[in-house]
């Protein structure tokens, strides 16, 4: 699928920071991978994959993946986030390695990029935005109106989750994936990964566009 998108793509780029990215590497090895981003977009399709190793906010070499609690998200643990947009909607998939075995994490797409403070990521991305912020109304704060990627780490510390929606992100409206201490709609933020979410070149969603209220 990716090859078909890149052929004749409007934009395609691969960026790496830190070490190189070995052929076929997915962050599960002991290589020098720090972070990488790959993007492909053509007509009505968009594909993005970003991966990185977590580092504390005070790390000498900064990372787009920041851990605020190394007891649950150790430094050098790994995360990847993939976004696929086509005529069937938007699918976001998160994969991790090196987490605390058996721990259940809450994971959501948030509005802003990560920062030194957990609060820098802002609130959850919402397809229909709650006029009252921070949003606590279950009519808005739910997995149908937001992107929830909760998972429980396996015995080896790995985990994954996917979410599919018929809607796409507003341009510039989604900026990160945040890991929370527990699954559900809220909880302490233990880590954050800045992600370049996007949309197909021909797709534009106006901030003031009227959309159907999600079912409660």
N, C-alpha and C. Protein backbone atom coordinates (compact mmCIF):
# COMPACT_ATOMS: atom_id res chain seq x y z
N UNK A 1 0.83 -1.20 0.00
CA UNK A 1 0.00 0.00 0.00
C UNK A 1 0.87 1.26 0.00
N UNK A 2 1.93 1.23 0.87
CA UNK A 2 2.78 2.41 0.97
C UNK A 2 3.46 2.70 -0.35
N UNK A 3 3.96 1.64 -1.01
CA UNK A 3 4.64 1.86 -2.28
C UNK A 3 3.72 2.51 -3.30
N UNK A 4 2.45 2.10 -3.31
CA UNK A 4 1.51 2.69 -4.23
C UNK A 4 1.23 4.13 -3.92
N UNK A 5 1.29 4.48 -2.64
CA UNK A 5 1.04 5.86 -2.26
C UNK A 5 2.22 6.74 -2.59
N UNK A 6 3.43 6.20 -2.38
CA UNK A 6 4.61 7.01 -2.63
C UNK A 6 4.81 7.28 -4.10
N UNK A 7 4.44 6.31 -4.95
CA UNK A 7 4.54 6.51 -6.38
C UNK A 7 3.56 7.59 -6.80
N UNK A 8 4.09 8.73 -7.22
CA UNK A 8 3.24 9.83 -7.61
C UNK A 8 2.71 10.61 -6.44
N UNK A 9 3.32 10.44 -5.27
CA UNK A 9 2.84 11.12 -4.07
C UNK A 9 3.09 12.61 -4.16
N UNK A 10 2.18 13.34 -3.54
CA UNK A 10 2.36 14.78 -3.44
C UNK A 10 3.54 15.09 -2.53
N UNK A 11 3.66 14.34 -1.41
CA UNK A 11 4.77 14.56 -0.50
C UNK A 11 5.18 13.23 0.09
N UNK A 12 6.49 13.01 0.20
CA UNK A 12 7.00 11.80 0.84
C UNK A 12 8.34 12.15 1.44
N UNK A 13 8.52 11.82 2.72
CA UNK A 13 9.77 12.18 3.37
C UNK A 13 10.07 11.19 4.47
N UNK A 14 11.36 10.95 4.70
CA UNK A 14 11.81 10.13 5.81
C UNK A 14 12.87 10.94 6.53
N UNK A 15 12.70 11.19 7.83
CA UNK A 15 13.62 11.97 8.62
C UNK A 15 14.11 11.11 9.76
N UNK A 16 15.38 11.21 10.10
CA UNK A 16 15.93 10.47 11.23
C UNK A 16 16.78 11.39 12.07
N UNK A 17 16.65 11.27 13.38
CA UNK A 17 17.47 12.04 14.30
C UNK A 17 18.21 11.08 15.20
N UNK A 18 19.42 11.43 15.60
CA UNK A 18 20.22 10.53 16.43
C UNK A 18 20.94 9.58 15.53
N UNK A 19 20.68 8.28 15.67
CA UNK A 19 21.36 7.28 14.88
C UNK A 19 20.62 6.97 13.61
N UNK A 20 21.16 6.05 12.83
CA UNK A 20 20.53 5.64 11.59
C UNK A 20 19.39 4.68 11.84
N UNK A 21 18.62 4.41 10.81
CA UNK A 21 17.51 3.48 10.89
C UNK A 21 17.84 2.28 10.02
N UNK A 22 18.19 1.13 10.60
CA UNK A 22 18.55 -0.03 9.80
C UNK A 22 17.38 -0.51 8.96
N UNK A 23 17.66 -1.14 7.84
CA UNK A 23 16.61 -1.67 6.98
C UNK A 23 15.73 -2.62 7.78
N UNK A 24 14.42 -2.35 7.72
CA UNK A 24 13.47 -3.22 8.39
C UNK A 24 13.36 -2.99 9.88
N UNK A 25 14.10 -2.02 10.41
CA UNK A 25 14.07 -1.79 11.86
C UNK A 25 12.74 -1.21 12.28
N UNK A 26 12.26 -1.63 13.46
CA UNK A 26 11.02 -1.07 13.99
C UNK A 26 11.21 -0.63 15.43
N UNK A 27 12.44 -0.40 15.81
CA UNK A 27 12.69 0.04 17.17
C UNK A 27 12.79 -1.07 18.17
N UNK A 28 12.61 -2.32 17.75
CA UNK A 28 12.65 -3.42 18.68
C UNK A 28 14.05 -3.98 18.87
N UNK A 29 15.06 -3.43 18.22
CA UNK A 29 16.41 -3.92 18.35
C UNK A 29 17.19 -3.00 19.27
N UNK A 30 18.46 -3.30 19.44
CA UNK A 30 19.33 -2.48 20.28
C UNK A 30 20.14 -1.52 19.44
N UNK A 31 19.65 -1.11 18.30
CA UNK A 31 20.36 -0.21 17.41
C UNK A 31 20.39 1.20 17.96
N UNK A 32 20.86 2.12 17.15
CA UNK A 32 21.06 3.49 17.59
C UNK A 32 19.87 4.39 17.28
N UNK A 33 18.75 3.81 16.94
CA UNK A 33 17.59 4.62 16.56
C UNK A 33 17.18 5.56 17.67
N UNK A 34 17.07 6.85 17.35
CA UNK A 34 16.54 7.82 18.29
C UNK A 34 15.10 8.14 17.92
N UNK A 35 14.87 8.61 16.69
CA UNK A 35 13.50 8.87 16.24
C UNK A 35 13.48 8.93 14.73
N UNK A 36 12.33 8.67 14.14
CA UNK A 36 12.17 8.77 12.70
C UNK A 36 10.72 9.05 12.36
N UNK A 37 10.52 9.66 11.20
CA UNK A 37 9.18 9.96 10.70
C UNK A 37 9.14 9.64 9.22
N UNK A 38 8.10 8.97 8.77
CA UNK A 38 7.89 8.72 7.35
C UNK A 38 6.48 9.16 7.01
N UNK A 39 6.33 9.88 5.89
CA UNK A 39 5.03 10.41 5.49
C UNK A 39 4.84 10.21 4.00
N UNK A 40 3.64 9.83 3.59
CA UNK A 40 3.29 9.74 2.18
C UNK A 40 1.86 10.23 2.01
N UNK A 41 1.63 11.05 1.00
CA UNK A 41 0.29 11.59 0.76
C UNK A 41 0.04 11.69 -0.73
N UNK A 42 -1.14 11.28 -1.16
CA UNK A 42 -1.52 11.41 -2.56
C UNK A 42 -3.04 11.47 -2.64
N UNK A 43 -3.54 12.44 -3.38
CA UNK A 43 -4.98 12.58 -3.64
C UNK A 43 -5.78 12.48 -2.35
N UNK A 44 -6.52 11.37 -2.17
CA UNK A 44 -7.40 11.24 -1.03
C UNK A 44 -6.85 10.27 0.02
N UNK A 45 -5.53 10.04 0.02
CA UNK A 45 -4.93 9.12 0.98
C UNK A 45 -3.76 9.78 1.69
N UNK A 46 -3.56 9.35 2.94
CA UNK A 46 -2.45 9.88 3.74
C UNK A 46 -1.94 8.75 4.61
N UNK A 47 -0.62 8.64 4.70
CA UNK A 47 0.00 7.64 5.56
C UNK A 47 1.16 8.28 6.30
N UNK A 48 1.26 7.99 7.60
CA UNK A 48 2.33 8.52 8.41
C UNK A 48 2.73 7.48 9.43
N UNK A 49 4.03 7.38 9.66
CA UNK A 49 4.54 6.51 10.73
C UNK A 49 5.68 7.22 11.43
N UNK A 50 5.56 7.36 12.75
CA UNK A 50 6.60 8.00 13.55
C UNK A 50 6.99 7.05 14.67
N UNK A 51 8.27 7.02 14.99
CA UNK A 51 8.73 6.19 16.09
C UNK A 51 9.86 6.89 16.83
N UNK A 52 10.03 6.53 18.09
CA UNK A 52 11.08 7.16 18.90
C UNK A 52 11.29 6.35 20.17
N UNK A 53 12.42 6.64 20.82
CA UNK A 53 12.69 6.09 22.15
C UNK A 53 12.44 7.19 23.18
N UNK A 54 11.82 6.80 24.28
CA UNK A 54 11.49 7.76 25.32
C UNK A 54 12.74 8.26 26.04
N UNK A 55 12.73 9.53 26.41
CA UNK A 55 13.79 10.14 27.19
C UNK A 55 13.15 11.12 28.16
N UNK A 56 13.77 11.35 29.30
CA UNK A 56 13.21 12.34 30.24
C UNK A 56 13.33 13.74 29.69
N UNK A 57 12.53 14.67 30.20
CA UNK A 57 12.57 16.06 29.69
C UNK A 57 13.94 16.71 29.82
N UNK A 58 14.74 16.23 30.77
CA UNK A 58 16.06 16.83 31.02
C UNK A 58 17.18 16.14 30.24
N UNK A 59 16.84 15.23 29.33
CA UNK A 59 17.87 14.49 28.59
C UNK A 59 18.75 15.45 27.79
N UNK A 60 20.05 15.15 27.72
CA UNK A 60 20.99 15.99 26.98
C UNK A 60 20.61 16.02 25.50
N UNK A 61 20.22 14.86 24.96
CA UNK A 61 19.72 14.79 23.59
C UNK A 61 18.21 14.64 23.66
N UNK A 62 17.45 15.66 23.30
CA UNK A 62 15.99 15.59 23.43
C UNK A 62 15.38 14.59 22.47
N UNK A 63 14.22 14.10 22.83
CA UNK A 63 13.47 13.15 22.01
C UNK A 63 12.04 13.63 21.87
N UNK A 64 11.38 13.34 20.74
CA UNK A 64 9.96 13.66 20.63
C UNK A 64 9.09 12.82 21.55
N UNK A 65 9.67 11.75 22.11
CA UNK A 65 8.97 10.91 23.08
C UNK A 65 9.53 11.22 24.47
N UNK A 66 8.68 11.73 25.36
CA UNK A 66 9.12 12.20 26.67
C UNK A 66 8.47 11.35 27.76
N UNK A 67 9.27 10.83 28.67
CA UNK A 67 8.71 10.11 29.82
C UNK A 67 8.77 10.99 31.05
N UNK A 68 7.64 11.06 31.76
CA UNK A 68 7.55 11.83 32.99
C UNK A 68 7.63 10.93 34.21
N UNK A 69 7.49 9.63 34.00
CA UNK A 69 7.56 8.66 35.10
C UNK A 69 8.24 7.39 34.59
N UNK A 70 9.54 7.29 34.87
CA UNK A 70 10.32 6.18 34.33
C UNK A 70 9.97 4.84 34.97
N UNK A 71 9.26 4.86 36.10
CA UNK A 71 8.82 3.61 36.68
C UNK A 71 7.79 2.90 35.81
N UNK A 72 7.04 3.66 35.01
CA UNK A 72 6.03 3.08 34.12
C UNK A 72 6.44 3.15 32.66
N UNK A 73 7.21 4.18 32.30
CA UNK A 73 7.70 4.33 30.93
C UNK A 73 9.21 4.59 31.02
N UNK A 74 10.02 3.53 31.04
CA UNK A 74 11.46 3.70 31.24
C UNK A 74 12.12 4.45 30.08
N UNK A 75 13.19 5.15 30.41
CA UNK A 75 14.00 5.78 29.37
C UNK A 75 14.51 4.70 28.43
N UNK A 76 14.52 5.00 27.13
CA UNK A 76 14.93 4.09 26.05
C UNK A 76 13.85 3.09 25.67
N UNK A 77 12.69 3.07 26.35
CA UNK A 77 11.57 2.28 25.85
C UNK A 77 11.10 2.91 24.54
N UNK A 78 10.35 2.17 23.76
CA UNK A 78 10.10 2.55 22.36
C UNK A 78 8.62 2.66 22.07
N UNK A 79 8.27 3.59 21.17
CA UNK A 79 6.89 3.76 20.73
C UNK A 79 6.87 4.06 19.24
N UNK A 80 5.86 3.56 18.55
CA UNK A 80 5.59 3.97 17.17
C UNK A 80 4.10 4.25 17.04
N UNK A 81 3.77 5.23 16.21
CA UNK A 81 2.38 5.58 15.93
C UNK A 81 2.22 5.68 14.42
N UNK A 82 1.22 5.02 13.92
CA UNK A 82 0.94 5.03 12.48
C UNK A 82 -0.47 5.56 12.24
N UNK A 83 -0.61 6.39 11.22
CA UNK A 83 -1.92 6.92 10.83
C UNK A 83 -2.16 6.59 9.37
N UNK A 84 -3.32 6.05 9.07
CA UNK A 84 -3.71 5.76 7.68
C UNK A 84 -5.07 6.40 7.43
N UNK A 85 -5.15 7.17 6.35
CA UNK A 85 -6.40 7.82 5.97
C UNK A 85 -6.72 7.44 4.54
N UNK A 86 -7.93 6.94 4.32
CA UNK A 86 -8.38 6.63 2.97
C UNK A 86 -9.89 6.78 2.92
N UNK A 87 -10.51 6.23 1.89
CA UNK A 87 -11.95 6.40 1.73
C UNK A 87 -12.74 5.71 2.84
N UNK A 88 -12.09 4.85 3.60
CA UNK A 88 -12.78 4.14 4.69
C UNK A 88 -12.67 4.87 6.02
N UNK A 89 -11.91 5.94 6.08
CA UNK A 89 -11.78 6.70 7.32
C UNK A 89 -10.34 6.78 7.79
N UNK A 90 -10.17 6.99 9.07
CA UNK A 90 -8.86 7.18 9.68
C UNK A 90 -8.59 6.08 10.69
N UNK A 91 -7.42 5.44 10.57
CA UNK A 91 -6.99 4.43 11.53
C UNK A 91 -5.69 4.88 12.16
N UNK A 92 -5.64 4.87 13.48
CA UNK A 92 -4.43 5.20 14.22
C UNK A 92 -4.02 3.97 15.02
N UNK A 93 -2.75 3.58 14.90
CA UNK A 93 -2.22 2.41 15.60
C UNK A 93 -1.00 2.80 16.40
N UNK A 94 -0.95 2.38 17.64
CA UNK A 94 0.20 2.62 18.50
C UNK A 94 0.81 1.29 18.92
N UNK A 95 2.14 1.23 18.92
CA UNK A 95 2.87 0.04 19.38
C UNK A 95 3.96 0.49 20.33
N UNK A 96 4.20 -0.29 21.38
CA UNK A 96 5.23 0.06 22.35
C UNK A 96 6.04 -1.18 22.73
N UNK A 97 7.26 -0.92 23.20
CA UNK A 97 8.11 -1.96 23.78
C UNK A 97 8.84 -1.37 24.98
N UNK A 98 9.12 -2.21 25.96
CA UNK A 98 9.87 -1.78 27.12
C UNK A 98 9.03 -1.19 28.23
N UNK A 99 7.70 -1.37 28.19
CA UNK A 99 6.83 -0.87 29.25
C UNK A 99 6.86 -1.81 30.45
N UNK A 100 6.16 -1.43 31.51
CA UNK A 100 6.07 -2.25 32.71
C UNK A 100 5.16 -3.43 32.44
N UNK A 101 5.66 -4.66 32.50
CA UNK A 101 4.83 -5.83 32.19
C UNK A 101 3.56 -5.89 33.04
N UNK A 102 2.44 -6.15 32.38
CA UNK A 102 1.17 -6.31 33.06
C UNK A 102 0.45 -5.04 33.41
N UNK A 103 1.07 -3.88 33.17
CA UNK A 103 0.40 -2.63 33.53
C UNK A 103 -0.58 -2.21 32.44
N UNK A 104 -1.74 -1.71 32.86
CA UNK A 104 -2.76 -1.22 31.92
C UNK A 104 -2.61 0.29 31.77
N UNK A 105 -2.37 0.74 30.55
CA UNK A 105 -2.15 2.15 30.26
C UNK A 105 -3.36 2.74 29.53
N UNK A 106 -3.68 3.98 29.84
CA UNK A 106 -4.63 4.73 29.04
C UNK A 106 -3.86 5.54 28.03
N UNK A 107 -4.34 5.60 26.79
CA UNK A 107 -3.61 6.29 25.73
C UNK A 107 -4.62 7.06 24.88
N UNK A 108 -4.33 8.34 24.63
CA UNK A 108 -5.22 9.17 23.83
C UNK A 108 -4.42 10.08 22.91
N UNK A 109 -5.02 10.46 21.79
CA UNK A 109 -4.47 11.52 20.96
C UNK A 109 -4.81 12.85 21.62
N UNK A 110 -3.80 13.72 21.77
CA UNK A 110 -3.99 15.03 22.39
C UNK A 110 -3.80 16.14 21.37
N UNK A 111 -4.15 17.35 21.78
CA UNK A 111 -4.21 18.48 20.84
C UNK A 111 -2.84 19.04 20.47
N UNK A 112 -1.91 19.11 21.42
CA UNK A 112 -0.66 19.83 21.22
C UNK A 112 0.56 18.92 21.25
N UNK A 113 1.70 19.38 20.76
CA UNK A 113 2.95 18.63 20.91
C UNK A 113 3.33 18.52 22.39
N UNK A 114 4.22 17.59 22.68
CA UNK A 114 4.69 17.38 24.05
C UNK A 114 5.60 18.52 24.50
N UNK A 115 5.80 18.61 25.80
CA UNK A 115 6.72 19.59 26.36
C UNK A 115 7.34 19.06 27.63
N UNK A 116 8.12 19.88 28.29
CA UNK A 116 8.76 19.48 29.54
C UNK A 116 7.73 19.17 30.62
N UNK A 117 6.57 19.82 30.55
CA UNK A 117 5.49 19.59 31.50
C UNK A 117 4.44 18.67 30.86
N UNK A 118 3.88 17.73 31.61
CA UNK A 118 2.84 16.86 31.06
C UNK A 118 1.64 17.63 30.52
N UNK A 119 1.37 18.81 31.08
CA UNK A 119 0.19 19.58 30.66
C UNK A 119 0.38 20.24 29.30
N UNK A 120 1.60 20.26 28.78
CA UNK A 120 1.87 20.95 27.52
C UNK A 120 1.06 20.37 26.36
N UNK A 121 0.71 19.09 26.43
CA UNK A 121 -0.01 18.43 25.34
C UNK A 121 -1.46 18.87 25.22
N UNK A 122 -1.95 19.65 26.17
CA UNK A 122 -3.33 20.10 26.10
C UNK A 122 -4.32 18.97 26.35
N UNK A 123 -5.54 19.20 25.94
CA UNK A 123 -6.59 18.20 26.16
C UNK A 123 -6.66 17.17 25.05
N UNK A 124 -7.59 16.23 25.20
CA UNK A 124 -7.80 15.21 24.18
C UNK A 124 -8.27 15.86 22.87
N UNK A 125 -7.83 15.31 21.74
CA UNK A 125 -8.41 15.73 20.47
C UNK A 125 -9.85 15.23 20.43
N UNK A 126 -10.78 16.10 20.05
CA UNK A 126 -12.19 15.73 19.94
C UNK A 126 -12.71 16.11 18.56
N UNK A 127 -13.40 15.17 17.94
CA UNK A 127 -14.00 15.45 16.62
C UNK A 127 -15.03 16.56 16.74
N UNK A 128 -15.92 16.42 17.71
CA UNK A 128 -16.85 17.49 18.06
C UNK A 128 -16.35 18.05 19.38
N UNK A 129 -15.89 19.29 19.38
CA UNK A 129 -15.27 19.86 20.55
C UNK A 129 -16.27 20.26 21.62
N UNK A 130 -15.99 19.85 22.84
CA UNK A 130 -16.79 20.24 23.99
C UNK A 130 -16.59 21.75 24.22
N UNK A 131 -17.66 22.54 24.26
CA UNK A 131 -17.50 23.98 24.51
C UNK A 131 -16.99 24.29 25.91
N UNK A 132 -17.07 23.31 26.81
CA UNK A 132 -16.57 23.48 28.18
C UNK A 132 -15.25 22.73 28.31
N UNK A 133 -14.19 23.46 28.61
CA UNK A 133 -12.87 22.87 28.76
C UNK A 133 -12.34 23.11 30.18
N UNK A 134 -11.62 22.14 30.78
CA UNK A 134 -11.33 20.82 30.23
C UNK A 134 -12.58 19.96 30.12
N UNK A 135 -12.62 19.14 29.09
CA UNK A 135 -13.81 18.37 28.79
C UNK A 135 -13.96 17.17 29.73
N UNK A 136 -15.13 17.10 30.38
CA UNK A 136 -15.44 15.97 31.25
C UNK A 136 -16.80 15.35 30.92
N UNK A 137 -17.54 16.00 30.04
CA UNK A 137 -18.87 15.53 29.65
C UNK A 137 -18.73 14.27 28.81
N UNK A 138 -19.30 13.13 29.25
CA UNK A 138 -19.18 11.89 28.48
C UNK A 138 -19.81 11.96 27.09
N UNK A 139 -20.62 12.98 26.83
CA UNK A 139 -21.16 13.15 25.48
C UNK A 139 -20.06 13.53 24.50
N UNK A 140 -18.96 14.08 25.02
CA UNK A 140 -17.82 14.47 24.19
C UNK A 140 -16.59 13.62 24.50
N UNK A 141 -16.35 13.37 25.78
CA UNK A 141 -15.17 12.62 26.21
C UNK A 141 -15.47 11.14 26.19
N UNK A 142 -15.39 10.55 25.00
CA UNK A 142 -15.68 9.13 24.82
C UNK A 142 -14.88 8.62 23.62
N UNK A 143 -14.69 7.31 23.50
CA UNK A 143 -13.85 6.76 22.42
C UNK A 143 -14.42 6.90 21.02
N UNK A 144 -15.69 7.31 20.89
CA UNK A 144 -16.24 7.55 19.56
C UNK A 144 -15.90 8.95 19.06
N UNK A 145 -15.79 9.90 20.00
CA UNK A 145 -15.51 11.28 19.64
C UNK A 145 -14.03 11.63 19.81
N UNK A 146 -13.27 10.75 20.45
CA UNK A 146 -11.85 10.92 20.66
C UNK A 146 -11.12 9.68 20.15
N UNK A 147 -9.81 9.71 20.18
CA UNK A 147 -9.01 8.55 19.76
C UNK A 147 -8.39 7.93 21.01
N UNK A 148 -8.92 6.77 21.41
CA UNK A 148 -8.43 6.05 22.58
C UNK A 148 -7.65 4.83 22.11
N UNK A 149 -6.47 4.63 22.69
CA UNK A 149 -5.58 3.54 22.31
C UNK A 149 -5.08 2.79 23.54
N UNK A 150 -5.97 2.54 24.49
CA UNK A 150 -5.59 1.87 25.73
C UNK A 150 -5.04 0.47 25.44
N UNK A 151 -4.06 0.05 26.25
CA UNK A 151 -3.49 -1.29 26.10
C UNK A 151 -2.95 -1.75 27.45
N UNK A 152 -2.75 -3.06 27.57
CA UNK A 152 -2.08 -3.65 28.72
C UNK A 152 -0.79 -4.27 28.24
N UNK A 153 0.33 -3.89 28.83
CA UNK A 153 1.63 -4.41 28.41
C UNK A 153 1.73 -5.90 28.71
N UNK A 154 2.28 -6.63 27.76
CA UNK A 154 2.46 -8.06 27.94
C UNK A 154 3.62 -8.38 28.87
N UNK A 155 3.89 -9.68 29.03
CA UNK A 155 4.97 -10.12 29.91
C UNK A 155 6.32 -9.60 29.46
N UNK A 156 6.45 -9.32 28.16
CA UNK A 156 7.71 -8.81 27.62
C UNK A 156 7.74 -7.28 27.56
N UNK A 157 6.69 -6.63 28.07
CA UNK A 157 6.65 -5.17 28.07
C UNK A 157 6.14 -4.55 26.80
N UNK A 158 5.66 -5.36 25.87
CA UNK A 158 5.16 -4.82 24.61
C UNK A 158 3.64 -4.68 24.65
N UNK A 159 3.12 -3.84 23.76
CA UNK A 159 1.68 -3.66 23.67
C UNK A 159 1.31 -2.93 22.40
N UNK A 160 0.05 -2.99 22.03
CA UNK A 160 -0.42 -2.29 20.83
C UNK A 160 -1.92 -2.09 20.91
N UNK A 161 -2.39 -1.10 20.15
CA UNK A 161 -3.83 -0.83 20.07
C UNK A 161 -4.09 -0.02 18.82
N UNK A 162 -5.30 -0.17 18.26
CA UNK A 162 -5.72 0.58 17.09
C UNK A 162 -7.10 1.16 17.32
N UNK A 163 -7.36 2.28 16.67
CA UNK A 163 -8.68 2.90 16.71
C UNK A 163 -9.04 3.37 15.31
N UNK A 164 -10.27 3.11 14.90
CA UNK A 164 -10.73 3.52 13.57
C UNK A 164 -11.93 4.44 13.71
N UNK A 165 -11.91 5.53 12.92
CA UNK A 165 -13.02 6.48 12.91
C UNK A 165 -13.35 6.86 11.47
N UNK A 166 -14.59 7.20 11.23
CA UNK A 166 -15.01 7.62 9.90
C UNK A 166 -14.62 9.07 9.63
N UNK A 167 -14.15 9.78 10.65
CA UNK A 167 -13.74 11.18 10.49
C UNK A 167 -12.23 11.29 10.52
N UNK A 168 -11.74 12.47 10.11
CA UNK A 168 -10.31 12.73 10.11
C UNK A 168 -9.97 13.90 11.03
N UNK A 169 -8.69 14.12 11.24
CA UNK A 169 -8.24 15.21 12.11
C UNK A 169 -8.34 16.56 11.40
N UNK A 170 -8.73 17.58 12.14
CA UNK A 170 -8.64 18.93 11.63
C UNK A 170 -7.18 19.30 11.45
N UNK A 171 -6.81 20.01 10.39
CA UNK A 171 -5.40 20.41 10.20
C UNK A 171 -4.86 21.15 11.40
N UNK A 172 -3.77 20.65 11.96
CA UNK A 172 -3.17 21.27 13.13
C UNK A 172 -3.89 21.00 14.43
N UNK A 173 -4.93 20.19 14.41
CA UNK A 173 -5.73 19.98 15.61
C UNK A 173 -5.23 18.89 16.53
N UNK A 174 -4.39 17.97 16.01
CA UNK A 174 -3.88 16.86 16.81
C UNK A 174 -2.36 16.90 16.77
N UNK A 175 -1.72 16.80 17.95
CA UNK A 175 -0.27 16.97 17.97
C UNK A 175 0.53 15.93 18.72
N UNK A 176 -0.13 15.02 19.44
CA UNK A 176 0.64 14.06 20.23
C UNK A 176 -0.21 12.88 20.66
N UNK A 177 0.48 11.87 21.20
CA UNK A 177 -0.16 10.74 21.85
C UNK A 177 0.35 10.71 23.29
N UNK A 178 -0.57 10.69 24.24
CA UNK A 178 -0.21 10.73 25.66
C UNK A 178 -0.55 9.41 26.32
N UNK A 179 0.39 8.88 27.10
CA UNK A 179 0.18 7.69 27.90
C UNK A 179 -0.20 8.11 29.32
N UNK A 180 -1.29 7.50 29.82
CA UNK A 180 -1.80 7.81 31.16
C UNK A 180 -1.57 6.63 32.10
N UNK A 181 -1.61 6.92 33.38
CA UNK A 181 -1.33 5.90 34.40
C UNK A 181 -2.32 4.74 34.35
N UNK A 182 -3.58 5.04 34.00
CA UNK A 182 -4.59 3.98 33.95
C UNK A 182 -5.48 4.19 32.74
N UNK A 183 -6.14 3.14 32.26
CA UNK A 183 -7.03 3.28 31.10
C UNK A 183 -8.28 4.06 31.45
N UNK A 184 -8.98 4.51 30.42
CA UNK A 184 -10.21 5.28 30.60
C UNK A 184 -10.06 6.69 30.08
N UNK A 185 -10.92 7.57 30.54
CA UNK A 185 -10.98 8.90 29.98
C UNK A 185 -10.03 9.91 30.56
N UNK A 186 -9.32 9.58 31.65
CA UNK A 186 -8.45 10.56 32.29
C UNK A 186 -7.31 9.83 32.99
N UNK A 187 -6.67 10.50 33.94
CA UNK A 187 -5.57 9.89 34.68
C UNK A 187 -4.28 10.66 34.52
N UNK A 188 -3.34 10.44 35.44
CA UNK A 188 -2.05 11.12 35.39
C UNK A 188 -1.33 10.81 34.08
N UNK A 189 -0.66 11.82 33.54
CA UNK A 189 0.09 11.66 32.30
C UNK A 189 1.51 11.20 32.62
N UNK A 190 1.87 10.01 32.14
CA UNK A 190 3.19 9.46 32.46
C UNK A 190 4.18 9.57 31.31
N UNK A 191 3.70 9.83 30.09
CA UNK A 191 4.59 9.97 28.94
C UNK A 191 3.84 10.62 27.80
N UNK A 192 4.59 11.15 26.82
CA UNK A 192 4.00 11.84 25.69
C UNK A 192 4.88 11.68 24.47
N UNK A 193 4.28 11.54 23.30
CA UNK A 193 5.00 11.40 22.05
C UNK A 193 4.44 12.39 21.04
N UNK A 194 5.27 13.33 20.58
CA UNK A 194 4.85 14.29 19.56
C UNK A 194 4.74 13.59 18.22
N UNK A 195 3.57 13.72 17.57
CA UNK A 195 3.29 12.98 16.34
C UNK A 195 2.76 13.93 15.27
N UNK A 196 3.29 13.87 14.03
CA UNK A 196 2.82 14.76 12.96
C UNK A 196 1.56 14.23 12.26
N UNK A 197 0.44 14.22 12.98
CA UNK A 197 -0.81 13.78 12.37
C UNK A 197 -1.15 14.69 11.20
N UNK A 198 -1.77 14.12 10.15
CA UNK A 198 -2.10 14.92 8.98
C UNK A 198 -3.35 14.44 8.29
N UNK A 199 -3.56 14.92 7.07
CA UNK A 199 -4.73 14.57 6.28
C UNK A 199 -4.35 14.60 4.81
N UNK A 200 -5.14 13.96 3.94
CA UNK A 200 -4.84 13.96 2.51
C UNK A 200 -4.78 15.37 1.94
N UNK A 201 -3.97 15.58 0.89
CA UNK A 201 -3.81 16.93 0.32
C UNK A 201 -5.11 17.57 -0.12
N UNK A 202 -6.06 16.78 -0.61
CA UNK A 202 -7.30 17.34 -1.11
C UNK A 202 -8.37 17.48 -0.06
N UNK A 203 -8.05 17.14 1.20
CA UNK A 203 -9.06 17.16 2.25
C UNK A 203 -8.85 18.35 3.16
N UNK A 204 -9.90 19.08 3.42
CA UNK A 204 -9.81 20.23 4.32
C UNK A 204 -11.02 20.25 5.22
N UNK A 205 -10.77 20.34 6.53
CA UNK A 205 -11.85 20.39 7.50
C UNK A 205 -11.80 21.73 8.20
N UNK A 206 -12.78 22.57 8.00
CA UNK A 206 -12.79 23.88 8.62
C UNK A 206 -13.12 23.76 10.10
N UNK A 207 -12.47 24.61 10.90
CA UNK A 207 -12.64 24.54 12.35
C UNK A 207 -14.09 24.77 12.74
N UNK A 208 -14.82 25.58 11.96
CA UNK A 208 -16.19 25.88 12.33
C UNK A 208 -17.22 25.00 11.63
N UNK A 209 -16.77 23.97 10.96
CA UNK A 209 -17.69 23.10 10.22
C UNK A 209 -18.67 22.42 11.18
N UNK A 210 -19.91 22.36 10.79
CA UNK A 210 -20.92 21.69 11.60
C UNK A 210 -20.90 20.20 11.31
N UNK A 211 -20.76 19.41 12.35
CA UNK A 211 -20.76 17.96 12.21
C UNK A 211 -21.79 17.37 13.14
N UNK A 212 -22.17 16.16 12.88
CA UNK A 212 -23.22 15.51 13.67
C UNK A 212 -22.73 15.24 15.08
N UNK A 213 -23.57 15.51 16.06
CA UNK A 213 -23.24 15.24 17.46
C UNK A 213 -23.09 13.74 17.65
N UNK A 214 -21.98 13.29 18.28
CA UNK A 214 -21.80 11.85 18.49
C UNK A 214 -22.85 11.28 19.42
N UNK A 215 -23.19 10.03 19.23
CA UNK A 215 -24.15 9.38 20.12
C UNK A 215 -23.54 9.16 21.49
N UNK A 216 -24.34 9.30 22.50
CA UNK A 216 -23.87 9.11 23.87
C UNK A 216 -24.04 7.66 24.26
